[in-house]
Amino acid sequence: MVTAADERRLEALTHMFQRHRFAAGEAQVRARIVYYNQVGYYALGIRETMQTRLGFVTDYLLALTGQLPSAAELRTFRRFLRNVASPHGG
């Protein structure tokens, strides 16, 4: 059963894909793939190091968006993750 919180998350992901110029239907499907994939990680108790997951980031982005990220986008993403992972935000 999908809860109201799940619906809000799916809506946010859908809007993100629409902002990146995906048509409404495709944006919704891509959002569902991203969200349910992440839920599956939690449900199955999959444990990976950040290094392992980051090793797949380019391929994940290509699979989910059909586009390769630029070097600048990857640097920005990795910097964001370091800030989020830091107990003091930096």
Protein backbone atom coordinates (compact mmCIF):
# COMPACT_ATOMS: atom_id res chain seq x y z
CA MET A 1 0.00 0.00 0.00
CA VAL A 2 1.35 3.41 -0.94
CA THR A 3 1.04 5.98 1.84
CA ALA A 4 0.50 9.71 1.55
CA ALA A 5 4.21 10.22 2.28
CA ASP A 6 5.11 7.85 -0.55
CA GLU A 7 2.78 9.77 -2.87
CA ARG A 8 4.49 13.06 -1.98
CA ARG A 9 7.92 11.57 -2.63
CA LEU A 10 6.79 10.15 -5.97
CA GLU A 11 5.26 13.49 -6.90
CA ALA A 12 8.51 15.31 -6.03
CA LEU A 13 10.56 12.87 -8.13
CA THR A 14 8.08 13.17 -11.00
CA HIS A 15 8.36 16.96 -10.91
CA MET A 16 12.14 16.68 -10.86
CA PHE A 17 12.10 14.63 -14.06
CA GLN A 18 9.60 17.03 -15.64
CA ARG A 19 11.90 19.96 -14.84
CA HIS A 20 14.54 18.07 -16.81
CA ARG A 21 12.19 18.02 -19.80
CA PHE A 22 10.76 14.51 -19.57
CA ALA A 23 7.13 14.20 -20.65
CA ALA A 24 4.62 13.69 -17.82
CA GLY A 25 4.12 9.96 -18.33
CA GLU A 26 7.81 9.21 -18.73
CA ALA A 27 8.63 11.39 -15.73
CA GLN A 28 6.18 9.45 -13.60
CA VAL A 29 7.58 6.08 -14.67
CA ARG A 30 11.16 7.21 -14.06
CA ALA A 31 10.14 8.51 -10.63
CA ARG A 32 8.57 5.16 -9.77
CA ILE A 33 11.69 3.29 -10.89
CA VAL A 34 13.93 5.49 -8.74
CA TYR A 35 11.66 5.38 -5.69
CA TYR A 36 10.81 1.69 -5.72
CA ASN A 37 14.45 0.81 -6.37
CA GLN A 38 15.43 2.76 -3.25
CA VAL A 39 12.64 1.16 -1.21
CA GLY A 40 13.90 -2.22 -2.39
CA TYR A 41 17.39 -1.44 -1.08
CA TYR A 42 15.89 -0.81 2.37
CA ALA A 43 13.46 -3.75 2.27
CA LEU A 44 16.17 -6.21 1.27
CA GLY A 45 18.68 -4.83 3.75
CA ILE A 46 21.28 -4.28 1.05
CA ARG A 47 24.44 -2.84 2.54
CA GLU A 48 26.99 -1.17 0.30
CA THR A 49 29.75 1.22 1.12
CA MET A 50 29.43 4.76 -0.17
CA GLN A 51 32.47 4.05 -2.34
CA THR A 52 30.70 1.09 -3.97
CA ARG A 53 27.53 3.08 -4.63
CA LEU A 54 29.46 6.05 -5.98
CA GLY A 55 31.25 3.68 -8.31
CA PHE A 56 27.90 3.12 -10.04
CA VAL A 57 26.66 6.72 -10.06
CA THR A 58 27.51 7.46 -13.70
CA ASP A 59 25.83 4.24 -14.86
CA TYR A 60 22.79 4.83 -12.62
CA LEU A 61 22.36 8.32 -14.04
CA LEU A 62 22.70 7.05 -17.60
CA ALA A 63 20.18 4.27 -16.96
CA LEU A 64 17.70 6.58 -15.23
CA THR A 65 17.99 9.65 -17.45
CA GLY A 66 19.46 8.46 -20.74
CA GLN A 67 22.23 11.05 -20.33
CA LEU A 68 25.76 10.96 -19.01
CA PRO A 69 26.52 13.48 -16.27
CA SER A 70 29.24 16.05 -16.86
CA ALA A 71 32.40 16.03 -14.78
CA ALA A 72 31.17 19.21 -13.06
CA GLU A 73 27.83 17.59 -12.19
CA LEU A 74 29.63 14.58 -10.70
CA ARG A 75 31.88 16.84 -8.61
CA THR A 76 28.85 18.75 -7.33
CA PHE A 77 27.04 15.52 -6.47
CA ARG A 78 30.02 14.04 -4.64
CA ARG A 79 30.51 17.27 -2.70
CA PHE A 80 26.83 17.19 -1.73
CA LEU A 81 27.16 13.59 -0.52
CA ARG A 82 30.23 14.41 1.55
CA ASN A 83 28.30 17.23 3.23
CA VAL A 84 25.28 15.02 3.89
CA ALA A 85 27.42 12.17 5.22
CA SER A 86 29.39 14.46 7.53
CA PRO A 87 27.97 14.58 11.06
CA HIS A 88 28.55 18.36 11.08
CA GLY A 89 27.43 19.08 7.50
CA GLY A 90 30.87 19.75 6.10
